[in-house]
Amino acid sequence: MFKVNQKGLNVATEEVKQRLVALLARPQLYEARHKHWRQNHLFKTDQKQLYQELGGQEKAKHVVPNATESRKFWSDLWDQPVQHNRGHKPKALQNNQISVSQEMQWNSS
């Protein structure tokens, strides 16, 4: 089987080692191939789940926010008076050199 008499002991042992390494690598190669196939399949069907798995994130659990905290958060934002910066108008608009219809066309383009 190993032809030790023809090849010599050193060559035969090296061949046995290489065969053993190849046999032990098969499951790892299979797992890697299966993982790549699964990721490709997920990319085609459910990219969100793929990116969550690649990022190491578990599926987020749906958390219902506290109503009182939500009202307070939004009321703090919306109930405060704000002075907006109106910005700078072009000189042609300041001097009324452009009619309203031209101004509307200028803004829509």
PDB file of N, CA and C in Angstrom:
ATOM      1  N   MET A   1       0.818  -1.196   0.000  1.00  0.00           N
ATOM      2  CA  MET A   1       0.000   0.000   0.000  1.00  0.00           C
ATOM      3  C   MET A   1       0.863   1.262   0.000  1.00  0.00           C
ATOM      4  N   PHE A   2       1.819   1.367   0.894  1.00  0.00           N
ATOM      5  CA  PHE A   2       2.657   2.563   0.960  1.00  0.00           C
ATOM      6  C   PHE A   2       3.954   2.410   0.178  1.00  0.00           C
ATOM      7  N   LYS A   3       4.247   1.195  -0.277  1.00  0.00           N
ATOM      8  CA  LYS A   3       5.446   0.880  -1.079  1.00  0.00           C
ATOM      9  C   LYS A   3       6.716   1.389  -0.405  1.00  0.00           C
ATOM     10  N   VAL A   4       6.880   1.019   0.855  1.00  0.00           N
ATOM     11  CA  VAL A   4       8.038   1.449   1.635  1.00  0.00           C
ATOM     12  C   VAL A   4       9.327   0.907   1.017  1.00  0.00           C
ATOM     13  N   ASN A   5       9.273  -0.316   0.500  1.00  0.00           N
ATOM     14  CA  ASN A   5      10.479  -0.907  -0.081  1.00  0.00           C
ATOM     15  C   ASN A   5      10.928  -0.141  -1.322  1.00  0.00           C
ATOM     16  N   GLN A   6       9.998   0.345  -2.125  1.00  0.00           N
ATOM     17  CA  GLN A   6      10.359   1.045  -3.356  1.00  0.00           C
ATOM     18  C   GLN A   6      10.735   2.507  -3.100  1.00  0.00           C
ATOM     19  N   LYS A   7       9.995   3.192  -2.251  1.00  0.00           N
ATOM     20  CA  LYS A   7      10.184   4.634  -2.057  1.00  0.00           C
ATOM     21  C   LYS A   7      11.145   4.955  -0.920  1.00  0.00           C
ATOM     22  N   GLY A   8      11.242   4.103   0.015  1.00  0.00           N
ATOM     23  CA  GLY A   8      12.068   4.381   1.191  1.00  0.00           C
ATOM     24  C   GLY A   8      11.176   4.838   2.339  1.00  0.00           C
ATOM     25  N   LEU A   9      11.698   4.683   3.520  1.00  0.00           N
ATOM     26  CA  LEU A   9      10.910   4.981   4.721  1.00  0.00           C
ATOM     27  C   LEU A   9      10.585   6.472   4.849  1.00  0.00           C
ATOM     28  N   ASN A  10      11.543   7.346   4.572  1.00  0.00           N
ATOM     29  CA  ASN A  10      11.323   8.792   4.734  1.00  0.00           C
ATOM     30  C   ASN A  10      10.244   9.312   3.770  1.00  0.00           C
ATOM     31  N   VAL A  11      10.313   8.860   2.520  1.00  0.00           N
ATOM     32  CA  VAL A  11       9.339   9.308   1.516  1.00  0.00           C
ATOM     33  C   VAL A  11       7.951   8.769   1.864  1.00  0.00           C
ATOM     34  N   ALA A  12       7.872   7.520   2.266  1.00  0.00           N
ATOM     35  CA  ALA A  12       6.586   6.913   2.604  1.00  0.00           C
ATOM     36  C   ALA A  12       5.952   7.603   3.808  1.00  0.00           C
ATOM     37  N   THR A  13       6.747   7.912   4.846  1.00  0.00           N
ATOM     38  CA  THR A  13       6.193   8.598   6.020  1.00  0.00           C
ATOM     39  C   THR A  13       5.731  10.015   5.662  1.00  0.00           C
ATOM     40  N   GLU A  14       6.453  10.681   4.786  1.00  0.00           N
ATOM     41  CA  GLU A  14       6.054  12.029   4.361  1.00  0.00           C
ATOM     42  C   GLU A  14       4.731  11.983   3.596  1.00  0.00           C
ATOM     43  N   GLU A  15       4.557  10.977   2.735  1.00  0.00           N
ATOM     44  CA  GLU A  15       3.299  10.831   2.002  1.00  0.00           C
ATOM     45  C   GLU A  15       2.134  10.552   2.958  1.00  0.00           C
ATOM     46  N   VAL A  16       2.367   9.726   3.953  1.00  0.00           N
ATOM     47  CA  VAL A  16       1.319   9.417   4.933  1.00  0.00           C
ATOM     48  C   VAL A  16       0.942  10.684   5.709  1.00  0.00           C
ATOM     49  N   LYS A  17       1.937  11.483   6.099  1.00  0.00           N
ATOM     50  CA  LYS A  17       1.660  12.734   6.804  1.00  0.00           C
ATOM     51  C   LYS A  17       0.826  13.676   5.947  1.00  0.00           C
ATOM     52  N   GLN A  18       1.188  13.794   4.661  1.00  0.00           N
ATOM     53  CA  GLN A  18       0.459  14.687   3.764  1.00  0.00           C
ATOM     54  C   GLN A  18      -0.984  14.208   3.551  1.00  0.00           C
ATOM     55  N   ARG A  19      -1.174  12.905   3.431  1.00  0.00           N
ATOM     56  CA  ARG A  19      -2.527  12.365   3.282  1.00  0.00           C
ATOM     57  C   ARG A  19      -3.357  12.621   4.539  1.00  0.00           C
ATOM     58  N   LEU A  20      -2.714  12.457   5.684  1.00  0.00           N
ATOM     59  CA  LEU A  20      -3.407  12.691   6.943  1.00  0.00           C
ATOM     60  C   LEU A  20      -3.807  14.168   7.083  1.00  0.00           C
ATOM     61  N   VAL A  21      -2.902  15.065   6.719  1.00  0.00           N
ATOM     62  CA  VAL A  21      -3.209  16.502   6.770  1.00  0.00           C
ATOM     63  C   VAL A  21      -4.358  16.821   5.824  1.00  0.00           C
ATOM     64  N   ALA A  22      -4.350  16.217   4.625  1.00  0.00           N
ATOM     65  CA  ALA A  22      -5.432  16.450   3.668  1.00  0.00           C
ATOM     66  C   ALA A  22      -6.761  15.931   4.198  1.00  0.00           C
ATOM     67  N   LEU A  23      -6.755  14.763   4.822  1.00  0.00           N
ATOM     68  CA  LEU A  23      -7.991  14.209   5.378  1.00  0.00           C
ATOM     69  C   LEU A  23      -8.524  15.062   6.523  1.00  0.00           C
ATOM     70  N   LEU A  24      -7.615  15.569   7.352  1.00  0.00           N
ATOM     71  CA  LEU A  24      -8.043  16.399   8.478  1.00  0.00           C
ATOM     72  C   LEU A  24      -8.531  17.776   8.024  1.00  0.00           C
ATOM     73  N   ALA A  25      -8.058  18.231   6.869  1.00  0.00           N
ATOM     74  CA  ALA A  25      -8.459  19.545   6.365  1.00  0.00           C
ATOM     75  C   ALA A  25      -9.820  19.512   5.676  1.00  0.00           C
ATOM     76  N   ARG A  26     -10.297  18.336   5.275  1.00  0.00           N
ATOM     77  CA  ARG A  26     -11.565  18.242   4.546  1.00  0.00           C
ATOM     78  C   ARG A  26     -12.742  18.844   5.301  1.00  0.00           C
ATOM     79  N   PRO A  27     -12.934  18.506   6.566  1.00  0.00           N
ATOM     80  CA  PRO A  27     -14.081  19.111   7.270  1.00  0.00           C
ATOM     81  C   PRO A  27     -13.999  20.643   7.347  1.00  0.00           C
ATOM     82  N   GLN A  28     -12.796  21.168   7.534  1.00  0.00           N
ATOM     83  CA  GLN A  28     -12.629  22.617   7.593  1.00  0.00           C
ATOM     84  C   GLN A  28     -12.937  23.248   6.242  1.00  0.00           C
ATOM     85  N   LEU A  29     -12.489  22.615   5.177  1.00  0.00           N
ATOM     86  CA  LEU A  29     -12.777  23.128   3.837  1.00  0.00           C
ATOM     87  C   LEU A  29     -14.279  23.072   3.555  1.00  0.00           C
ATOM     88  N   TYR A  30     -14.910  21.968   3.979  1.00  0.00           N
ATOM     89  CA  TYR A  30     -16.347  21.842   3.800  1.00  0.00           C
ATOM     90  C   TYR A  30     -17.082  22.950   4.555  1.00  0.00           C
ATOM     91  N   GLU A  31     -16.685  23.188   5.801  1.00  0.00           N
ATOM     92  CA  GLU A  31     -17.331  24.227   6.608  1.00  0.00           C
ATOM     93  C   GLU A  31     -17.149  25.600   5.974  1.00  0.00           C
ATOM     94  N   ALA A  32     -15.947  25.882   5.492  1.00  0.00           N
ATOM     95  CA  ALA A  32     -15.690  27.178   4.854  1.00  0.00           C
ATOM     96  C   ALA A  32     -16.528  27.326   3.591  1.00  0.00           C
ATOM     97  N   ARG A  33     -16.606  26.279   2.790  1.00  0.00           N
ATOM     98  CA  ARG A  33     -17.383  26.320   1.551  1.00  0.00           C
ATOM     99  C   ARG A  33     -18.867  26.509   1.873  1.00  0.00           C
ATOM    100  N   HIS A  34     -19.339  25.786   2.895  1.00  0.00           N
ATOM    101  CA  HIS A  34     -20.739  25.917   3.298  1.00  0.00           C
ATOM    102  C   HIS A  34     -21.035  27.334   3.816  1.00  0.00           C
ATOM    103  N   LYS A  35     -20.110  27.883   4.590  1.00  0.00           N
ATOM    104  CA  LYS A  35     -20.275  29.239   5.116  1.00  0.00           C
ATOM    105  C   LYS A  35     -20.352  30.249   3.976  1.00  0.00           C
ATOM    106  N   HIS A  36     -19.466  30.123   2.988  1.00  0.00           N
ATOM    107  CA  HIS A  36     -19.479  31.038   1.839  1.00  0.00           C
ATOM    108  C   HIS A  36     -20.784  30.902   1.047  1.00  0.00           C
ATOM    109  N   TRP A  37     -21.238  29.656   0.855  1.00  0.00           N
ATOM    110  CA  TRP A  37     -22.492  29.444   0.133  1.00  0.00           C
ATOM    111  C   TRP A  37     -23.650  30.103   0.878  1.00  0.00           C
ATOM    112  N   ARG A  38     -23.682  29.908   2.208  1.00  0.00           N
ATOM    113  CA  ARG A  38     -24.765  30.467   3.016  1.00  0.00           C
ATOM    114  C   ARG A  38     -24.749  31.991   2.986  1.00  0.00           C
ATOM    115  N   GLN A  39     -23.559  32.600   3.061  1.00  0.00           N
ATOM    116  CA  GLN A  39     -23.466  34.053   3.012  1.00  0.00           C
ATOM    117  C   GLN A  39     -23.894  34.583   1.647  1.00  0.00           C
ATOM    118  N   ASN A  40     -23.517  33.897   0.587  1.00  0.00           N
ATOM    119  CA  ASN A  40     -23.955  34.312  -0.745  1.00  0.00           C
ATOM    120  C   ASN A  40     -25.469  34.224  -0.861  1.00  0.00           C
ATOM    121  N   HIS A  41     -26.032  33.149  -0.331  1.00  0.00           N
ATOM    122  CA  HIS A  41     -27.482  32.974  -0.372  1.00  0.00           C
ATOM    123  C   HIS A  41     -28.180  34.078   0.426  1.00  0.00           C
ATOM    124  N   LEU A  42     -27.657  34.381   1.620  1.00  0.00           N
ATOM    125  CA  LEU A  42     -28.233  35.454   2.427  1.00  0.00           C
ATOM    126  C   LEU A  42     -28.107  36.803   1.727  1.00  0.00           C
ATOM    127  N   PHE A  43     -27.000  37.031   1.035  1.00  0.00           N
ATOM    128  CA  PHE A  43     -26.822  38.295   0.319  1.00  0.00           C
ATOM    129  C   PHE A  43     -27.904  38.469  -0.733  1.00  0.00           C
ATOM    130  N   LYS A  44     -28.271  37.365  -1.376  1.00  0.00           N
ATOM    131  CA  LYS A  44     -29.309  37.428  -2.401  1.00  0.00           C
ATOM    132  C   LYS A  44     -30.700  37.581  -1.796  1.00  0.00           C
ATOM    133  N   THR A  45     -30.947  36.976  -0.634  1.00  0.00           N
ATOM    134  CA  THR A  45     -32.305  36.917  -0.102  1.00  0.00           C
ATOM    135  C   THR A  45     -32.555  37.864   1.066  1.00  0.00           C
ATOM    136  N   ASP A  46     -31.591  38.046   1.973  1.00  0.00           N
ATOM    137  CA  ASP A  46     -31.819  38.838   3.192  1.00  0.00           C
ATOM    138  C   ASP A  46     -30.522  39.533   3.599  1.00  0.00           C
ATOM    139  N   GLN A  47     -30.220  40.648   2.939  1.00  0.00           N
ATOM    140  CA  GLN A  47     -28.956  41.336   3.188  1.00  0.00           C
ATOM    141  C   GLN A  47     -28.865  41.872   4.621  1.00  0.00           C
ATOM    142  N   LYS A  48     -29.983  42.291   5.157  1.00  0.00           N
ATOM    143  CA  LYS A  48     -29.964  42.833   6.520  1.00  0.00           C
ATOM    144  C   LYS A  48     -29.455  41.787   7.510  1.00  0.00           C
ATOM    145  N   GLN A  49     -29.967  40.563   7.396  1.00  0.00           N
ATOM    146  CA  GLN A  49     -29.535  39.501   8.306  1.00  0.00           C
ATOM    147  C   GLN A  49     -28.056  39.182   8.094  1.00  0.00           C
ATOM    148  N   LEU A  50     -27.611  39.174   6.837  1.00  0.00           N
ATOM    149  CA  LEU A  50     -26.200  38.905   6.556  1.00  0.00           C
ATOM    150  C   LEU A  50     -25.308  39.937   7.230  1.00  0.00           C
ATOM    151  N   TYR A  51     -25.626  41.213   7.064  1.00  0.00           N
ATOM    152  CA  TYR A  51     -24.780  42.249   7.648  1.00  0.00           C
ATOM    153  C   TYR A  51     -24.833  42.219   9.177  1.00  0.00           C
ATOM    154  N   GLN A  52     -25.971  41.829   9.741  1.00  0.00           N
ATOM    155  CA  GLN A  52     -26.030  41.693  11.196  1.00  0.00           C
ATOM    156  C   GLN A  52     -25.124  40.568  11.658  1.00  0.00           C
ATOM    157  N   GLU A  53     -25.128  39.457  10.929  1.00  0.00           N
ATOM    158  CA  GLU A  53     -24.263  38.337  11.306  1.00  0.00           C
ATOM    159  C   GLU A  53     -22.791  38.689  11.121  1.00  0.00           C
ATOM    160  N   LEU A  54     -22.470  39.376  10.046  1.00  0.00           N
ATOM    161  CA  LEU A  54     -21.072  39.750   9.816  1.00  0.00           C
ATOM    162  C   LEU A  54     -20.593  40.747  10.859  1.00  0.00           C
ATOM    163  N   GLY A  55     -21.485  41.620  11.308  1.00  0.00           N
ATOM    164  CA  GLY A  55     -21.131  42.610  12.317  1.00  0.00           C
ATOM    165  C   GLY A  55     -21.146  42.056  13.724  1.00  0.00           C
ATOM    166  N   GLY A  56     -21.584  40.810  13.881  1.00  0.00           N
ATOM    167  CA  GLY A  56     -21.630  40.192  15.196  1.00  0.00           C
ATOM    168  C   GLY A  56     -22.812  40.643  16.021  1.00  0.00           C
ATOM    169  N   GLN A  57     -23.787  41.270  15.382  1.00  0.00           N
ATOM    170  CA  GLN A  57     -24.954  41.733  16.117  1.00  0.00           C
ATOM    171  C   GLN A  57     -26.012  40.642  16.131  1.00  0.00           C
ATOM    172  N   GLU A  58     -26.640  40.502  17.239  1.00  0.00           N
ATOM    173  CA  GLU A  58     -27.773  39.605  17.312  1.00  0.00           C
ATOM    174  C   GLU A  58     -29.002  40.374  16.858  1.00  0.00           C
ATOM    175  N   LYS A  59     -30.058  39.654  16.562  1.00  0.00           N
ATOM    176  CA  LYS A  59     -31.288  40.328  16.163  1.00  0.00           C
ATOM    177  C   LYS A  59     -31.750  41.219  17.297  1.00  0.00           C
ATOM    178  N   ALA A  60     -32.074  42.449  16.935  1.00  0.00           N
ATOM    179  CA  ALA A  60     -32.527  43.408  17.938  1.00  0.00           C
ATOM    180  C   ALA A  60     -33.923  43.029  18.417  1.00  0.00           C
ATOM    181  N   LYS A  61     -34.101  43.100  19.706  1.00  0.00           N
ATOM    182  CA  LYS A  61     -35.404  42.814  20.271  1.00  0.00           C
ATOM    183  C   LYS A  61     -36.237  44.086  20.219  1.00  0.00           C
ATOM    184  N   HIS A  62     -37.496  43.926  19.902  1.00  0.00           N
ATOM    185  CA  HIS A  62     -38.395  45.069  19.796  1.00  0.00           C
ATOM    186  C   HIS A  62     -38.688  45.598  21.197  1.00  0.00           C
ATOM    187  N   VAL A  63     -38.275  46.824  21.434  1.00  0.00           N
ATOM    188  CA  VAL A  63     -38.471  47.442  22.732  1.00  0.00           C
ATOM    189  C   VAL A  63     -39.486  48.558  22.580  1.00  0.00           C
ATOM    190  N   VAL A  64     -40.522  48.534  23.381  1.00  0.00           N
ATOM    191  CA  VAL A  64     -41.540  49.580  23.355  1.00  0.00           C
ATOM    192  C   VAL A  64     -41.050  50.721  24.233  1.00  0.00           C
ATOM    193  N   PRO A  65     -40.959  51.926  23.667  1.00  0.00           N
ATOM    194  CA  PRO A  65     -40.469  53.047  24.477  1.00  0.00           C
ATOM    195  C   PRO A  65     -41.493  53.470  25.520  1.00  0.00           C
ATOM    196  N   ASN A  66     -40.985  54.041  26.569  1.00  0.00           N
ATOM    197  CA  ASN A  66     -41.823  54.545  27.644  1.00  0.00           C
ATOM    198  C   ASN A  66     -42.548  55.793  27.139  1.00  0.00           C
ATOM    199  N   ALA A  67     -43.869  55.829  27.263  1.00  0.00           N
ATOM    200  CA  ALA A  67     -44.675  56.928  26.734  1.00  0.00           C
ATOM    201  C   ALA A  67     -44.321  58.258  27.396  1.00  0.00           C
ATOM    202  N   THR A  68     -44.115  58.250  28.697  1.00  0.00           N
ATOM    203  CA  THR A  68     -43.814  59.487  29.420  1.00  0.00           C
ATOM    204  C   THR A  68     -42.473  60.064  28.969  1.00  0.00           C
ATOM    205  N   GLU A  69     -41.469  59.202  28.844  1.00  0.00           N
ATOM    206  CA  GLU A  69     -40.152  59.661  28.400  1.00  0.00           C
ATOM    207  C   GLU A  69     -40.214  60.181  26.972  1.00  0.00           C
ATOM    208  N   SER A  70     -40.988  59.523  26.128  1.00  0.00           N
ATOM    209  CA  SER A  70     -41.115  59.961  24.730  1.00  0.00           C
ATOM    210  C   SER A  70     -41.772  61.328  24.655  1.00  0.00           C
ATOM    211  N   ARG A  71     -42.847  61.532  25.403  1.00  0.00           N
ATOM    212  CA  ARG A  71     -43.517  62.847  25.407  1.00  0.00           C
ATOM    213  C   ARG A  71     -42.569  63.933  25.882  1.00  0.00           C
ATOM    214  N   LYS A  72     -41.811  63.645  26.938  1.00  0.00           N
ATOM    215  CA  LYS A  72     -40.881  64.643  27.474  1.00  0.00           C
ATOM    216  C   LYS A  72     -39.802  64.968  26.453  1.00  0.00           C
ATOM    217  N   PHE A  73     -39.249  63.944  25.809  1.00  0.00           N
ATOM    218  CA  PHE A  73     -38.197  64.152  24.814  1.00  0.00           C
ATOM    219  C   PHE A  73     -38.688  65.049  23.685  1.00  0.00           C
ATOM    220  N   TRP A  74     -39.851  64.718  23.104  1.00  0.00           N
ATOM    221  CA  TRP A  74     -40.349  65.488  21.961  1.00  0.00           C
ATOM    222  C   TRP A  74     -40.854  66.858  22.380  1.00  0.00           C
ATOM    223  N   SER A  75     -41.434  66.974  23.550  1.00  0.00           N
ATOM    224  CA  SER A  75     -41.896  68.299  23.985  1.00  0.00           C
ATOM    225  C   SER A  75     -40.705  69.224  24.237  1.00  0.00           C
ATOM    226  N   ASP A  76     -39.592  68.671  24.724  1.00  0.00           N
ATOM    227  CA  ASP A  76     -38.393  69.491  24.906  1.00  0.00           C
ATOM    228  C   ASP A  76     -37.896  70.026  23.567  1.00  0.00           C
ATOM    229  N   LEU A  77     -38.056  69.253  22.525  1.00  0.00           N
ATOM    230  CA  LEU A  77     -37.609  69.698  21.207  1.00  0.00           C
ATOM    231  C   LEU A  77     -38.586  70.675  20.562  1.00  0.00           C
ATOM    232  N   TRP A  78     -39.867  70.344  20.594  1.00  0.00           N
ATOM    233  CA  TRP A  78     -40.846  71.103  19.812  1.00  0.00           C
ATOM    234  C   TRP A  78     -41.415  72.308  20.545  1.00  0.00           C
ATOM    235  N   ASP A  79     -41.396  72.318  21.849  1.00  0.00           N
ATOM    236  CA  ASP A  79     -42.025  73.408  22.591  1.00  0.00           C
ATOM    237  C   ASP A  79     -41.114  74.620  22.775  1.00  0.00           C
ATOM    238  N   GLN A  80     -39.844  74.505  22.429  1.00  0.00           N
ATOM    239  CA  GLN A  80     -38.917  75.613  22.602  1.00  0.00           C
ATOM    240  C   GLN A  80     -39.005  76.552  21.395  1.00  0.00           C
ATOM    241  N   PRO A  81     -39.168  77.861  21.615  1.00  0.00           N
ATOM    242  CA  PRO A  81     -39.182  78.794  20.478  1.00  0.00           C
ATOM    243  C   PRO A  81     -37.784  78.877  19.855  1.00  0.00           C
ATOM    244  N   VAL A  82     -37.755  78.949  18.550  1.00  0.00           N
ATOM    245  CA  VAL A  82     -36.481  78.952  17.839  1.00  0.00           C
ATOM    246  C   VAL A  82     -36.474  80.105  16.845  1.00  0.00           C
ATOM    247  N   GLN A  83     -35.366  80.821  16.767  1.00  0.00           N
ATOM    248  CA  GLN A  83     -35.175  81.857  15.746  1.00  0.00           C
ATOM    249  C   GLN A  83     -34.351  81.240  14.623  1.00  0.00           C
ATOM    250  N   HIS A  84     -34.968  81.126  13.466  1.00  0.00           N
ATOM    251  CA  HIS A  84     -34.273  80.536  12.328  1.00  0.00           C
ATOM    252  C   HIS A  84     -33.507  81.598  11.570  1.00  0.00           C
ATOM    253  N   ASN A  85     -32.369  81.225  11.062  1.00  0.00           N
ATOM    254  CA  ASN A  85     -31.579  82.099  10.217  1.00  0.00           C
ATOM    255  C   ASN A  85     -32.176  82.050   8.818  1.00  0.00           C
ATOM    256  N   ARG A  86     -32.656  83.156   8.363  1.00  0.00           N
ATOM    257  CA  ARG A  86     -33.319  83.193   7.061  1.00  0.00           C
ATOM    258  C   ARG A  86     -32.327  83.132   5.906  1.00  0.00           C
ATOM    259  N   GLY A  87     -31.083  83.287   6.194  1.00  0.00           N
ATOM    260  CA  GLY A  87     -30.077  83.178   5.148  1.00  0.00           C
ATOM    261  C   GLY A  87     -29.956  84.449   4.334  1.00  0.00           C
ATOM    262  N   HIS A  88     -29.138  84.383   3.315  1.00  0.00           N
ATOM    263  CA  HIS A  88     -28.847  85.535   2.488  1.00  0.00           C
ATOM    264  C   HIS A  88     -29.553  85.380   1.144  1.00  0.00           C
ATOM    265  N   LYS A  89     -30.303  86.392   0.753  1.00  0.00           N
ATOM    266  CA  LYS A  89     -30.958  86.374  -0.550  1.00  0.00           C
ATOM    267  C   LYS A  89     -29.994  86.937  -1.588  1.00  0.00           C
ATOM    268  N   PRO A  90     -30.060  86.433  -2.806  1.00  0.00           N
ATOM    269  CA  PRO A  90     -29.265  87.051  -3.875  1.00  0.00           C
ATOM    270  C   PRO A  90     -29.689  88.505  -4.072  1.00  0.00           C
ATOM    271  N   LYS A  91     -28.770  89.350  -4.531  1.00  0.00           N
ATOM    272  CA  LYS A  91     -29.039  90.778  -4.682  1.00  0.00           C
ATOM    273  C   LYS A  91     -30.211  91.050  -5.619  1.00  0.00           C
ATOM    274  N   ALA A  92     -30.352  90.212  -6.636  1.00  0.00           N
ATOM    275  CA  ALA A  92     -31.459  90.416  -7.571  1.00  0.00           C
ATOM    276  C   ALA A  92     -32.800  90.248  -6.877  1.00  0.00           C
ATOM    277  N   LEU A  93     -32.878  89.342  -5.918  1.00  0.00           N
ATOM    278  CA  LEU A  93     -34.124  89.164  -5.176  1.00  0.00           C
ATOM    279  C   LEU A  93     -34.329  90.290  -4.168  1.00  0.00           C
ATOM    280  N   GLN A  94     -33.267  90.778  -3.571  1.00  0.00           N
ATOM    281  CA  GLN A  94     -33.378  91.860  -2.603  1.00  0.00           C
ATOM    282  C   GLN A  94     -33.878  93.137  -3.268  1.00  0.00           C
ATOM    283  N   ASN A  95     -33.423  93.398  -4.484  1.00  0.00           N
ATOM    284  CA  ASN A  95     -33.786  94.621  -5.199  1.00  0.00           C
ATOM    285  C   ASN A  95     -35.047  94.447  -6.027  1.00  0.00           C
ATOM    286  N   ASN A  96     -35.715  93.269  -5.925  1.00  0.00           N
ATOM    287  CA  ASN A  96     -36.936  92.982  -6.681  1.00  0.00           C
ATOM    288  C   ASN A  96     -36.725  93.128  -8.183  1.00  0.00           C
ATOM    289  N   GLN A  97     -35.554  92.744  -8.664  1.00  0.00           N
ATOM    290  CA  GLN A  97     -35.276  92.797 -10.102  1.00  0.00           C
ATOM    291  C   GLN A  97     -35.812  91.565 -10.823  1.00  0.00           C
ATOM    292  N   ILE A  98     -36.157  90.542 -10.082  1.00  0.00           N
ATOM    293  CA  ILE A  98     -36.690  89.322 -10.676  1.00  0.00           C
ATOM    294  C   ILE A  98     -38.152  89.219 -10.274  1.00  0.00           C
ATOM    295  N   SER A  99     -38.996  88.909 -11.240  1.00  0.00           N
ATOM    296  CA  SER A  99     -40.411  88.792 -10.928  1.00  0.00           C
ATOM    297  C   SER A  99     -40.653  87.488 -10.163  1.00  0.00           C
ATOM    298  N   VAL A 100     -41.843  87.370  -9.590  1.00  0.00           N
ATOM    299  CA  VAL A 100     -42.183  86.208  -8.785  1.00  0.00           C
ATOM    300  C   VAL A 100     -42.156  84.953  -9.634  1.00  0.00           C
ATOM    301  N   SER A 101     -42.648  85.001 -10.834  1.00  0.00           N
ATOM    302  CA  SER A 101     -42.666  83.795 -11.675  1.00  0.00           C
ATOM    303  C   SER A 101     -41.250  83.345 -12.008  1.00  0.00           C
ATOM    304  N   GLN A 102     -40.344  84.298 -12.216  1.00  0.00           N
ATOM    305  CA  GLN A 102     -38.955  83.924 -12.481  1.00  0.00           C
ATOM    306  C   GLN A 102     -38.316  83.331 -11.217  1.00  0.00           C
ATOM    307  N   GLU A 103     -38.672  83.885 -10.074  1.00  0.00           N
ATOM    308  CA  GLU A 103     -38.126  83.377  -8.823  1.00  0.00           C
ATOM    309  C   GLU A 103     -38.569  81.931  -8.604  1.00  0.00           C
ATOM    310  N   MET A 104     -39.817  81.641  -8.894  1.00  0.00           N
ATOM    311  CA  MET A 104     -40.309  80.273  -8.710  1.00  0.00           C
ATOM    312  C   MET A 104     -39.607  79.319  -9.679  1.00  0.00           C
ATOM    313  N   GLN A 105     -39.377  79.747 -10.894  1.00  0.00           N
ATOM    314  CA  GLN A 105     -38.667  78.904 -11.854  1.00  0.00           C
ATOM    315  C   GLN A 105     -37.232  78.685 -11.397  1.00  0.00           C
ATOM    316  N   TRP A 106     -36.628  79.739 -10.847  1.00  0.00           N
ATOM    317  CA  TRP A 106     -35.249  79.653 -10.399  1.00  0.00           C
ATOM    318  C   TRP A 106     -35.126  78.662  -9.251  1.00  0.00           C
ATOM    319  N   ASN A 107     -36.090  78.633  -8.310  1.00  0.00           N
ATOM    320  CA  ASN A 107     -36.051  77.728  -7.172  1.00  0.00           C
ATOM    321  C   ASN A 107     -36.368  76.294  -7.563  1.00  0.00           C
ATOM    322  N   SER A 108     -37.185  76.081  -8.583  1.00  0.00           N
ATOM    323  CA  SER A 108     -37.573  74.730  -8.942  1.00  0.00           C
ATOM    324  C   SER A 108     -36.520  74.003  -9.764  1.00  0.00           C
ATOM    325  N   SER A 109     -35.579  74.707 -10.339  1.00  0.00           N
ATOM    326  CA  SER A 109     -34.568  74.030 -11.156  1.00  0.00           C
ATOM    327  C   SER A 109     -33.366  73.633 -10.369  1.00  0.00           C
TER     328      SER A 109
END
